[in-house]
Amino acid sequence: MTLDQLKPVLIKDHYYDKPINSIYFCDSDSDNYVISSCSKSFKIWFKETGKPFTAIESDEDICDVAWYEGSGMFFFANEGQKMKTYYIPALGPAPKWCWFLDNLTEELEESSENVVYDDYKFITSEELESFGLSHLIGTNYLRAYMHGFF
């Protein structure tokens, strides 16, 4: 809500019946976000539409969230023994003192490792019978998995 308006532009709820303990407005190159937290969750919303961007639920109560402005790094002060740190690359680069996070993120994006069953199709026993291939059960051509085969 701005000072010249009587109604808020957007109303959002964390659905925990807890008060909001921190709120930030993040303007990145591509989008604008509202970042808010209560004692149970941390949520990021698109500023214009109110659609959720991401959410993090915590096991321990969140006391406060600190955003390292201009980056995608967040620190959660919580009721646990250790402070929690989260990095969301879509919101900005890692801080200069944490340069290795950008390299790590790039490596994760570049690695398109093939999963063992990427080129396989899962079929059920009924589908196998309808194709007339039930004679392949027990051979090296089919691999049994739960209620069907690869």
C-alpha atoms as a PDB file:
ATOM      1  CA  MET A   1       0.000   0.000   0.000  1.00  0.00           C
ATOM      2  CA  THR A   2       1.362   3.405  -0.853  1.00  0.00           C
ATOM      3  CA  LEU A   3       0.669   6.546   1.104  1.00  0.00           C
ATOM      4  CA  ASP A   4      -1.608   8.000  -1.565  1.00  0.00           C
ATOM      5  CA  GLN A   5      -3.873   4.906  -1.764  1.00  0.00           C
ATOM      6  CA  LEU A   6      -6.525   3.753   0.658  1.00  0.00           C
ATOM      7  CA  LYS A   7      -6.428   0.137  -0.542  1.00  0.00           C
ATOM      8  CA  PRO A   8      -3.381  -2.107  -0.754  1.00  0.00           C
ATOM      9  CA  VAL A   9      -2.178  -3.087  -4.204  1.00  0.00           C
ATOM     10  CA  LEU A  10      -1.854  -6.750  -3.215  1.00  0.00           C
ATOM     11  CA  ILE A  11      -2.830  -8.870  -0.212  1.00  0.00           C
ATOM     12  CA  LYS A  12      -1.025 -12.166   0.410  1.00  0.00           C
ATOM     13  CA  ASP A  13      -1.220 -14.671   3.259  1.00  0.00           C
ATOM     14  CA  HIS A  14       1.337 -17.212   4.478  1.00  0.00           C
ATOM     15  CA  TYR A  15      -1.510 -19.403   5.823  1.00  0.00           C
ATOM     16  CA  TYR A  16       0.106 -20.042   9.194  1.00  0.00           C
ATOM     17  CA  ASP A  17      -1.739 -17.424  11.276  1.00  0.00           C
ATOM     18  CA  LYS A  18       1.653 -16.000  12.215  1.00  0.00           C
ATOM     19  CA  PRO A  19       2.740 -12.366  11.868  1.00  0.00           C
ATOM     20  CA  ILE A  20       5.096 -11.369   9.057  1.00  0.00           C
ATOM     21  CA  ASN A  21       8.533 -10.726  10.555  1.00  0.00           C
ATOM     22  CA  SER A  22      10.376  -9.426   7.482  1.00  0.00           C
ATOM     23  CA  ILE A  23       9.526  -8.056   4.061  1.00  0.00           C
ATOM     24  CA  TYR A  24      11.727  -6.886   1.179  1.00  0.00           C
ATOM     25  CA  PHE A  25      11.116  -5.622  -2.330  1.00  0.00           C
ATOM     26  CA  CYS A  26      13.560  -7.040  -4.858  1.00  0.00           C
ATOM     27  CA  ASP A  27      13.928  -5.513  -8.309  1.00  0.00           C
ATOM     28  CA  SER A  28      15.975  -7.834 -10.489  1.00  0.00           C
ATOM     29  CA  ASP A  29      16.812  -7.437 -14.154  1.00  0.00           C
ATOM     30  CA  SER A  30      13.879  -9.549 -15.322  1.00  0.00           C
ATOM     31  CA  ASP A  31      11.180  -9.277 -12.631  1.00  0.00           C
ATOM     32  CA  ASN A  32      10.172  -7.527  -9.441  1.00  0.00           C
ATOM     33  CA  TYR A  33       9.542  -9.614  -6.333  1.00  0.00           C
ATOM     34  CA  VAL A  34       8.113  -9.283  -2.842  1.00  0.00           C
ATOM     35  CA  ILE A  35      10.041 -11.317  -0.280  1.00  0.00           C
ATOM     36  CA  SER A  36       8.307 -12.051   3.006  1.00  0.00           C
ATOM     37  CA  SER A  37       8.703 -14.378   5.954  1.00  0.00           C
ATOM     38  CA  CYS A  38       6.813 -15.459   9.033  1.00  0.00           C
ATOM     39  CA  SER A  39       8.067 -17.785  11.756  1.00  0.00           C
ATOM     40  CA  LYS A  40       7.247 -20.890   9.679  1.00  0.00           C
ATOM     41  CA  SER A  41       7.983 -19.980   6.046  1.00  0.00           C
ATOM     42  CA  PHE A  42       9.829 -17.728   3.637  1.00  0.00           C
ATOM     43  CA  LYS A  43       8.034 -16.829   0.415  1.00  0.00           C
ATOM     44  CA  ILE A  44       8.847 -14.902  -2.728  1.00  0.00           C
ATOM     45  CA  TRP A  45       6.015 -13.519  -4.855  1.00  0.00           C
ATOM     46  CA  PHE A  46       5.889 -11.757  -8.196  1.00  0.00           C
ATOM     47  CA  LYS A  47       5.185  -8.136  -7.301  1.00  0.00           C
ATOM     48  CA  GLU A  48       2.780  -7.386 -10.155  1.00  0.00           C
ATOM     49  CA  THR A  49       0.651 -10.548 -10.142  1.00  0.00           C
ATOM     50  CA  GLY A  50       1.066 -12.000  -6.662  1.00  0.00           C
ATOM     51  CA  LYS A  51       1.870 -15.432  -8.087  1.00  0.00           C
ATOM     52  CA  PRO A  52       4.305 -17.433  -5.952  1.00  0.00           C
ATOM     53  CA  PHE A  53       7.881 -17.683  -7.202  1.00  0.00           C
ATOM     54  CA  THR A  54       9.279 -19.944  -4.475  1.00  0.00           C
ATOM     55  CA  ALA A  55       8.794 -20.865  -0.837  1.00  0.00           C
ATOM     56  CA  ILE A  56      10.932 -22.395   1.882  1.00  0.00           C
ATOM     57  CA  GLU A  57       9.461 -23.943   5.009  1.00  0.00           C
ATOM     58  CA  SER A  58      11.676 -24.216   8.040  1.00  0.00           C
ATOM     59  CA  ASP A  59      11.810 -26.857  10.765  1.00  0.00           C
ATOM     60  CA  GLU A  60      12.829 -24.232  13.302  1.00  0.00           C
ATOM     61  CA  ASP A  61      10.982 -20.958  13.823  1.00  0.00           C
ATOM     62  CA  ILE A  62      12.334 -18.157  11.634  1.00  0.00           C
ATOM     63  CA  CYS A  63      13.057 -15.032  13.685  1.00  0.00           C
ATOM     64  CA  ASP A  64      14.248 -12.797  10.857  1.00  0.00           C
ATOM     65  CA  VAL A  65      15.476 -12.957   7.275  1.00  0.00           C
ATOM     66  CA  ALA A  66      18.367 -10.863   6.020  1.00  0.00           C
ATOM     67  CA  TRP A  67      18.768 -10.397   2.284  1.00  0.00           C
ATOM     68  CA  TYR A  68      22.191  -9.542   0.915  1.00  0.00           C
ATOM     69  CA  GLU A  69      20.878  -6.840  -1.415  1.00  0.00           C
ATOM     70  CA  GLY A  70      21.702  -7.151  -5.090  1.00  0.00           C
ATOM     71  CA  SER A  71      22.276 -10.878  -4.790  1.00  0.00           C
ATOM     72  CA  GLY A  72      20.245 -14.025  -4.411  1.00  0.00           C
ATOM     73  CA  MET A  73      21.607 -14.805  -0.945  1.00  0.00           C
ATOM     74  CA  PHE A  74      19.450 -14.957   2.186  1.00  0.00           C
ATOM     75  CA  PHE A  75      20.304 -15.600   5.819  1.00  0.00           C
ATOM     76  CA  PHE A  76      17.706 -16.945   8.244  1.00  0.00           C
ATOM     77  CA  ALA A  77      18.052 -16.168  11.925  1.00  0.00           C
ATOM     78  CA  ASN A  78      16.118 -19.000  13.518  1.00  0.00           C
ATOM     79  CA  GLU A  79      15.563 -20.867  16.760  1.00  0.00           C
ATOM     80  CA  GLY A  80      18.048 -23.580  15.721  1.00  0.00           C
ATOM     81  CA  GLN A  81      21.719 -23.675  16.661  1.00  0.00           C
ATOM     82  CA  LYS A  82      22.969 -22.640  13.219  1.00  0.00           C
ATOM     83  CA  MET A  83      21.959 -19.793  10.956  1.00  0.00           C
ATOM     84  CA  LYS A  84      20.529 -21.047   7.656  1.00  0.00           C
ATOM     85  CA  THR A  85      21.811 -19.700   4.360  1.00  0.00           C
ATOM     86  CA  TYR A  86      20.003 -19.980   1.035  1.00  0.00           C
ATOM     87  CA  TYR A  87      21.100 -18.935  -2.431  1.00  0.00           C
ATOM     88  CA  ILE A  88      18.534 -18.372  -5.200  1.00  0.00           C
ATOM     89  CA  PRO A  89      20.446 -17.649  -8.449  1.00  0.00           C
ATOM     90  CA  ALA A  90      17.347 -16.362 -10.272  1.00  0.00           C
ATOM     91  CA  LEU A  91      17.298 -13.323  -7.965  1.00  0.00           C
ATOM     92  CA  GLY A  92      20.856 -12.262  -8.568  1.00  0.00           C
ATOM     93  CA  PRO A  93      24.496 -13.295  -8.536  1.00  0.00           C
ATOM     94  CA  ALA A  94      26.315 -14.527  -5.488  1.00  0.00           C
ATOM     95  CA  PRO A  95      28.149 -11.879  -3.454  1.00  0.00           C
ATOM     96  CA  LYS A  96      31.786 -11.305  -4.428  1.00  0.00           C
ATOM     97  CA  TRP A  97      33.011 -12.965  -1.236  1.00  0.00           C
ATOM     98  CA  CYS A  98      31.027 -16.085  -2.256  1.00  0.00           C
ATOM     99  CA  TRP A  99      32.126 -16.225  -5.905  1.00  0.00           C
ATOM    100  CA  PHE A 100      32.344 -20.031  -5.910  1.00  0.00           C
ATOM    101  CA  LEU A 101      28.525 -20.293  -5.708  1.00  0.00           C
ATOM    102  CA  ASP A 102      28.136 -18.835  -9.201  1.00  0.00           C
ATOM    103  CA  ASN A 103      30.679 -21.327 -10.546  1.00  0.00           C
ATOM    104  CA  LEU A 104      28.909 -24.172  -8.788  1.00  0.00           C
ATOM    105  CA  THR A 105      25.542 -23.065 -10.165  1.00  0.00           C
ATOM    106  CA  GLU A 106      26.927 -22.866 -13.697  1.00  0.00           C
ATOM    107  CA  GLU A 107      28.376 -26.359 -13.397  1.00  0.00           C
ATOM    108  CA  LEU A 108      25.033 -27.726 -12.234  1.00  0.00           C
ATOM    109  CA  GLU A 109      23.228 -26.071 -15.155  1.00  0.00           C
ATOM    110  CA  GLU A 110      25.744 -27.372 -17.702  1.00  0.00           C
ATOM    111  CA  SER A 111      25.791 -30.960 -16.505  1.00  0.00           C
ATOM    112  CA  SER A 112      23.069 -32.758 -18.380  1.00  0.00           C
ATOM    113  CA  GLU A 113      23.938 -36.197 -17.142  1.00  0.00           C
ATOM    114  CA  ASN A 114      21.851 -38.968 -18.617  1.00  0.00           C
ATOM    115  CA  VAL A 115      19.881 -40.852 -16.036  1.00  0.00           C
ATOM    116  CA  VAL A 116      20.013 -44.608 -16.501  1.00  0.00           C
ATOM    117  CA  TYR A 117      16.369 -44.910 -17.567  1.00  0.00           C
ATOM    118  CA  ASP A 118      16.088 -41.720 -19.656  1.00  0.00           C
ATOM    119  CA  ASP A 119      15.856 -43.626 -22.931  1.00  0.00           C
ATOM    120  CA  TYR A 120      13.519 -46.296 -21.546  1.00  0.00           C
ATOM    121  CA  LYS A 121       9.731 -46.368 -21.480  1.00  0.00           C
ATOM    122  CA  PHE A 122       7.875 -47.739 -18.471  1.00  0.00           C
ATOM    123  CA  ILE A 123       5.026 -50.132 -19.313  1.00  0.00           C
ATOM    124  CA  THR A 124       2.667 -52.095 -17.125  1.00  0.00           C
ATOM    125  CA  SER A 125       2.054 -55.845 -17.321  1.00  0.00           C
ATOM    126  CA  GLU A 126      -1.307 -55.185 -19.020  1.00  0.00           C
ATOM    127  CA  GLU A 127       0.324 -53.041 -21.700  1.00  0.00           C
ATOM    128  CA  LEU A 128       2.975 -55.702 -22.238  1.00  0.00           C
ATOM    129  CA  GLU A 129       0.279 -58.355 -22.774  1.00  0.00           C
ATOM    130  CA  SER A 130      -1.684 -56.100 -25.138  1.00  0.00           C
ATOM    131  CA  PHE A 131       1.454 -55.693 -27.280  1.00  0.00           C
ATOM    132  CA  GLY A 132       1.930 -59.461 -27.302  1.00  0.00           C
ATOM    133  CA  LEU A 133       5.342 -59.192 -25.672  1.00  0.00           C
ATOM    134  CA  SER A 134       4.732 -61.059 -22.419  1.00  0.00           C
ATOM    135  CA  HIS A 135       7.157 -63.755 -23.606  1.00  0.00           C
ATOM    136  CA  LEU A 136       9.988 -61.241 -22.922  1.00  0.00           C
ATOM    137  CA  ILE A 137       9.397 -61.345 -19.154  1.00  0.00           C
ATOM    138  CA  GLY A 138      12.485 -62.732 -17.447  1.00  0.00           C
ATOM    139  CA  THR A 139      14.822 -61.910 -20.338  1.00  0.00           C
ATOM    140  CA  ASN A 140      17.465 -59.211 -20.566  1.00  0.00           C
ATOM    141  CA  TYR A 141      15.106 -57.137 -22.744  1.00  0.00           C
ATOM    142  CA  LEU A 142      12.852 -56.184 -19.807  1.00  0.00           C
ATOM    143  CA  ARG A 143      13.748 -54.996 -16.362  1.00  0.00           C
ATOM    144  CA  ALA A 144      11.037 -55.468 -13.694  1.00  0.00           C
ATOM    145  CA  TYR A 145      10.283 -52.414 -11.602  1.00  0.00           C
ATOM    146  CA  MET A 146       7.403 -52.077  -9.099  1.00  0.00           C
ATOM    147  CA  HIS A 147       4.191 -52.766 -11.046  1.00  0.00           C
ATOM    148  CA  GLY A 148       5.665 -52.875 -14.534  1.00  0.00           C
ATOM    149  CA  PHE A 149       8.787 -53.021 -16.618  1.00  0.00           C
ATOM    150  CA  PHE A 150      11.454 -50.924 -18.309  1.00  0.00           C
END
